Amino acid sequence: MFSRVFRSFVLVGTAVSIAAITGAAKADTITASLFSPMGPGGTTPVVVNLSSITSPSPSTLTTPDYTVTFSAGFPVNQGIVRGTDPGVHAVPVAGETGGMAEYMTDGFGSLLTTNVAMTGNYFSTGMDNTITIIFKKPETSFALLWGSIDTGNSLTLNDAANFTVTGAAVQAAAAGFMGNGFQGPGGSAYVVIDSASSFTTVTATSSVVSFEFGAVAASSSPFSGVPDSVAIPEPATVVLFGSGLGIFATLLRRRQKKGARPTNG
């Protein structure tokens, strides 16, 4: 069974524009949602494509748009991986349908499947190793599917603030999060990091077994919008360090529901 990820892109982008108009202080922000990814904003994102890699692979990946490097001494069973290796890494959960976990079949924006054997490649740091993604041009927004979120996971941008996003911060931002390191539905989250300046480098590391992540993309405009939910809970978004974006989105959803006409079926 396959599900599509994106449908329309309106709500969150509107809220960002209003925050700017009201003069809210600019700051690095994170947005997290358990089952609802954000779509591309005003520009075509740079998507990190892992589909052609024979996994596992800790070898440097170089393309015209980005380079991915792995720290020295990287374990041979980590890096760019596929499937689940118990005690080593687990496939990030992208959604839920009928009580079954859904997984991405490829990278950012790909179809979802409940068949874990059909999942695509993703990143896995292992313990105390780093994966560094270097974009060839400055970006301001970074999106990923953060798997089995653990407090020992972290991402650092080389923007003006050297902004670091911890697993603990993502857990707090993802409404309905199940529990530290949980590998089922509700333990992974779609995360967007918006930089107040710009960045070219994103570094992932973990002080525990691993930090697994996929569906990686970057953009020079914010990822935004109302995605096609692939899960039972209604999409929930929380913004940290920002301008009350989540509150505005909730109020707008309520107004839209009030004005909706009932349908038969």
Protein backbone atom coordinates (compact mmCIF):
# COMPACT_ATOMS: atom_id res chain seq x y z
CA MET A 1 0.00 0.00 0.00
CA PHE A 2 1.30 3.41 -0.95
CA SER A 3 0.29 6.91 0.21
CA ARG A 4 1.15 10.29 -1.26
CA VAL A 5 2.83 12.80 1.05
CA PHE A 6 1.95 16.32 -0.14
CA ARG A 7 -1.33 17.94 -1.19
CA SER A 8 -1.44 21.75 -0.81
CA PHE A 9 0.75 24.49 0.61
CA VAL A 10 -1.05 27.41 2.24
CA LEU A 11 -1.36 27.61 6.01
CA VAL A 12 2.13 27.75 7.50
CA GLY A 13 3.52 30.09 4.83
CA THR A 14 0.73 32.55 5.61
CA ALA A 15 1.55 32.46 9.31
CA VAL A 16 5.23 33.17 8.64
CA SER A 17 4.32 36.23 6.55
CA ILE A 18 2.08 37.58 9.31
CA ALA A 19 4.79 37.07 11.91
CA ALA A 20 7.17 39.15 9.79
CA ILE A 21 4.58 41.93 9.33
CA THR A 22 3.96 42.16 13.09
CA GLY A 23 7.66 42.79 13.64
CA ALA A 24 8.41 39.64 15.64
CA ALA A 25 12.12 39.24 16.37
CA LYS A 26 13.87 36.98 13.90
CA ALA A 27 15.29 33.81 15.39
CA ASP A 28 16.23 30.29 14.38
CA THR A 29 13.14 28.10 14.68
CA ILE A 30 12.18 24.44 14.57
CA THR A 31 8.84 22.97 13.59
CA ALA A 32 8.02 19.31 14.24
CA SER A 33 5.07 17.12 13.28
CA LEU A 34 4.78 13.38 13.86
CA PHE A 35 3.05 12.50 10.60
CA SER A 36 2.72 15.59 8.41
CA PRO A 37 5.66 16.81 6.33
CA MET A 38 5.83 20.36 5.01
CA GLY A 39 5.90 20.99 1.29
CA PRO A 40 8.39 23.12 -0.66
CA GLY A 41 8.10 26.88 -0.29
CA GLY A 42 8.66 29.47 -3.00
CA THR A 43 11.70 27.77 -4.54
CA THR A 44 12.57 24.27 -5.68
CA PRO A 45 14.37 22.57 -2.78
CA VAL A 46 17.71 20.83 -3.00
CA VAL A 47 16.82 17.19 -2.28
CA VAL A 48 19.52 14.88 -0.95
CA ASN A 49 19.16 11.79 -3.13
CA LEU A 50 20.39 8.49 -1.69
CA SER A 51 18.57 6.14 -4.07
CA SER A 52 21.61 5.23 -6.17
CA ILE A 53 23.82 4.25 -3.21
CA THR A 54 24.52 0.60 -2.42
CA SER A 55 24.08 0.44 1.34
CA PRO A 56 25.56 0.38 3.83
CA SER A 57 28.02 3.06 2.77
CA PRO A 58 30.10 5.57 4.75
CA SER A 59 31.76 6.83 1.57
CA THR A 60 31.78 10.52 0.64
CA LEU A 61 28.88 11.46 -1.63
CA THR A 62 29.50 14.35 -4.03
CA THR A 63 26.95 15.98 -6.37
CA PRO A 64 26.71 19.41 -8.07
CA ASP A 65 24.39 20.62 -5.26
CA TYR A 66 25.88 19.10 -2.09
CA THR A 67 28.56 16.89 -0.58
CA VAL A 68 28.04 14.41 2.27
CA THR A 69 31.02 13.37 4.39
CA PHE A 70 31.43 10.91 7.25
CA SER A 71 33.85 11.22 10.16
CA ALA A 72 37.04 9.17 10.23
CA GLY A 73 36.70 5.60 11.44
CA PHE A 74 33.01 5.44 10.54
CA PRO A 75 31.56 1.93 11.13
CA VAL A 76 31.07 -0.09 7.94
CA ASN A 77 27.46 -0.90 8.94
CA GLN A 78 26.48 2.77 9.34
CA GLY A 79 26.32 5.84 7.10
CA ILE A 80 23.86 5.49 4.23
CA VAL A 81 21.80 2.44 5.16
CA ARG A 82 18.62 0.59 4.26
CA GLY A 83 16.20 -1.52 6.31
CA THR A 84 16.51 -2.23 10.02
CA ASP A 85 19.54 -3.76 11.74
CA PRO A 86 18.51 -4.53 15.37
CA GLY A 87 20.69 -2.70 17.88
CA VAL A 88 22.35 -0.71 15.08
CA HIS A 89 19.67 1.33 13.27
CA ALA A 90 15.92 1.35 12.56
CA VAL A 91 13.94 2.74 9.62
CA PRO A 92 12.35 6.14 10.44
CA VAL A 93 8.55 5.94 10.59
CA ALA A 94 6.90 8.35 8.14
CA GLY A 95 3.23 7.74 8.94
CA GLU A 96 0.56 5.35 10.14
CA THR A 97 -2.43 3.74 8.47
CA GLY A 98 -4.83 1.23 10.03
CA GLY A 99 -2.50 0.84 12.99
CA MET A 100 0.44 -0.05 10.73
CA ALA A 101 3.63 1.98 10.41
CA GLU A 102 4.36 3.60 7.05
CA TYR A 103 7.84 4.16 5.66
CA MET A 104 9.29 6.26 2.85
CA THR A 105 10.08 4.39 -0.34
CA ASP A 106 12.74 6.95 -1.30
CA GLY A 107 13.72 10.50 -0.31
CA PHE A 108 11.92 13.77 0.30
CA GLY A 109 8.33 13.75 -1.05
CA SER A 110 8.34 10.05 -1.99
CA LEU A 111 5.46 7.62 -1.66
CA LEU A 112 4.93 5.72 1.59
CA THR A 113 4.64 1.97 2.11
CA THR A 114 3.68 -0.32 5.00
CA ASN A 115 6.13 -2.92 3.68
CA VAL A 116 9.42 -2.32 5.48
CA ALA A 117 11.22 -4.38 2.82
CA MET A 118 10.37 -1.69 0.24
CA THR A 119 11.85 1.26 2.13
CA GLY A 120 14.50 3.51 0.66
CA ASN A 121 17.96 4.48 1.93
CA TYR A 122 18.44 6.83 4.88
CA PHE A 123 21.26 8.15 7.10
CA SER A 124 22.44 6.52 10.33
CA THR A 125 25.26 8.08 12.37
CA GLY A 126 26.03 5.29 14.80
CA MET A 127 27.40 6.35 18.20
CA ASP A 128 29.83 9.31 18.47
CA ASN A 129 30.22 9.68 14.70
CA THR A 130 29.26 12.62 12.52
CA ILE A 131 27.53 12.95 9.15
CA THR A 132 28.04 16.35 7.50
CA ILE A 133 25.97 17.66 4.61
CA ILE A 134 27.59 20.60 2.79
CA PHE A 135 25.39 22.54 0.37
CA LYS A 136 27.07 24.35 -2.51
CA LYS A 137 25.03 27.53 -2.00
CA PRO A 138 23.59 29.19 1.15
CA GLU A 139 20.22 27.86 2.30
CA THR A 140 17.81 29.09 4.99
CA SER A 141 15.53 26.11 5.62
CA PHE A 142 16.34 22.44 6.28
CA ALA A 143 13.81 19.58 6.30
CA LEU A 144 14.18 15.96 7.36
CA LEU A 145 12.37 12.94 8.78
CA TRP A 146 14.00 12.46 12.23
CA GLY A 147 13.80 8.77 13.17
CA SER A 148 13.23 7.26 16.65
CA ILE A 149 14.01 10.61 18.30
CA ASP A 150 16.48 10.28 21.16
CA THR A 151 17.75 12.98 23.51
CA GLY A 152 21.30 12.03 22.48
CA ASN A 153 20.67 13.04 18.84
CA SER A 154 21.61 16.51 17.56
CA LEU A 155 21.88 18.60 14.40
CA THR A 156 24.06 21.71 14.11
CA LEU A 157 23.86 24.39 11.40
CA ASN A 158 26.83 26.62 10.60
CA ASP A 159 24.62 29.73 10.48
CA ALA A 160 25.36 32.93 12.41
CA ALA A 161 24.12 31.37 15.66
CA ASN A 162 25.69 27.92 15.07
CA PHE A 163 22.18 26.72 15.84
CA THR A 164 22.01 23.24 17.41
CA VAL A 165 18.76 21.29 17.51
CA THR A 166 18.70 18.49 20.09
CA GLY A 167 16.49 15.42 20.18
CA ALA A 168 15.02 16.77 23.42
CA ALA A 169 13.92 19.97 21.63
CA VAL A 170 12.28 17.97 18.83
CA GLN A 171 10.49 15.74 21.35
CA ALA A 172 9.09 18.85 23.02
CA ALA A 173 7.99 20.33 19.68
CA ALA A 174 6.26 17.21 18.32
CA ALA A 175 2.77 17.07 19.83
CA GLY A 176 1.80 13.49 20.70
CA PHE A 177 5.39 12.19 20.75
CA MET A 178 5.42 8.62 22.12
CA GLY A 179 8.71 8.25 24.01
CA ASN A 180 12.49 8.53 23.90
CA GLY A 181 13.95 6.36 21.14
CA PHE A 182 10.56 4.83 20.27
CA GLN A 183 10.81 3.04 16.89
CA GLY A 184 7.09 2.81 16.06
CA PRO A 185 4.50 5.39 14.91
CA GLY A 186 4.77 8.51 17.04
CA GLY A 187 8.49 8.09 17.70
CA SER A 188 9.74 9.81 14.54
CA ALA A 189 8.90 13.31 13.32
CA TYR A 190 9.10 15.52 10.26
CA VAL A 191 11.28 18.45 11.31
CA VAL A 192 11.93 21.79 9.62
CA ILE A 193 14.70 24.09 10.83
CA ASP A 194 14.52 27.71 9.66
CA SER A 195 17.65 29.82 10.02
CA ALA A 196 17.47 33.53 10.80
CA SER A 197 20.59 33.98 8.66
CA SER A 198 21.73 31.22 6.29
CA PHE A 199 23.81 28.05 6.38
CA THR A 200 25.78 25.78 4.07
CA THR A 201 26.61 22.96 6.48
CA VAL A 202 24.47 20.66 8.63
CA THR A 203 26.18 18.19 10.97
CA ALA A 204 24.42 15.23 12.59
CA THR A 205 25.75 13.27 15.57
CA SER A 206 24.56 11.04 18.39
CA SER A 207 25.84 10.11 21.84
CA VAL A 208 23.66 6.97 21.84
CA VAL A 209 23.28 3.97 19.50
CA SER A 210 22.44 6.05 16.44
CA PHE A 211 20.67 9.03 14.90
CA GLU A 212 18.63 7.87 11.90
CA PHE A 213 17.17 10.40 9.46
CA GLY A 214 15.94 10.63 5.89
CA ALA A 215 13.79 12.71 3.52
CA VAL A 216 16.47 15.42 3.63
CA ALA A 217 16.06 18.66 1.69
CA ALA A 218 17.15 22.29 1.93
CA SER A 219 15.71 25.49 0.51
CA SER A 220 16.36 29.22 0.33
CA SER A 221 12.71 29.82 1.31
CA PRO A 222 10.72 28.24 4.17
CA PHE A 223 9.10 24.84 3.79
CA SER A 224 5.44 25.50 4.41
CA GLY A 225 1.87 24.45 3.88
CA VAL A 226 -0.87 22.00 4.66
CA PRO A 227 0.42 18.55 3.73
CA ASP A 228 -1.62 15.45 3.03
CA SER A 229 -1.83 13.72 6.42
CA VAL A 230 -0.88 10.05 6.31
CA ALA A 231 -1.80 9.33 9.91
CA ILE A 232 -4.78 9.13 12.23
CA PRO A 233 -4.05 12.21 14.42
CA GLU A 234 -4.85 15.63 12.95
CA PRO A 235 -1.60 17.41 11.93
CA ALA A 236 -0.11 19.20 14.94
CA THR A 237 2.71 21.73 14.71
CA VAL A 238 4.68 23.40 17.48
CA VAL A 239 7.31 26.09 16.92
CA LEU A 240 10.18 26.73 19.33
CA PHE A 241 12.20 29.95 19.58
CA GLY A 242 9.76 31.59 17.19
CA SER A 243 6.74 33.82 16.93
CA GLY A 244 3.69 31.84 18.04
CA LEU A 245 3.29 30.16 14.65
CA GLY A 246 1.62 27.06 16.07
CA ILE A 247 -1.02 29.12 17.90
CA PHE A 248 -1.90 31.05 14.75
CA ALA A 249 -2.17 27.82 12.73
CA THR A 250 -4.52 26.26 15.31
CA LEU A 251 -6.82 29.31 15.33
CA LEU A 252 -6.93 29.39 11.54
CA ARG A 253 -7.81 25.68 11.35
CA ARG A 254 -10.67 26.24 13.79
CA ARG A 255 -12.04 29.12 11.68
CA GLN A 256 -11.81 26.97 8.56
CA LYS A 257 -13.69 24.11 10.26
CA LYS A 258 -16.43 26.50 11.47
CA GLY A 259 -17.03 27.73 7.94
CA ALA A 260 -16.94 24.25 6.34
CA ARG A 261 -20.18 22.85 4.95
CA PRO A 262 -21.23 19.32 5.87
CA THR A 263 -20.93 16.76 3.11
CA ASN A 264 -22.66 13.42 2.56
CA GLY A 265 -20.75 10.19 2.19
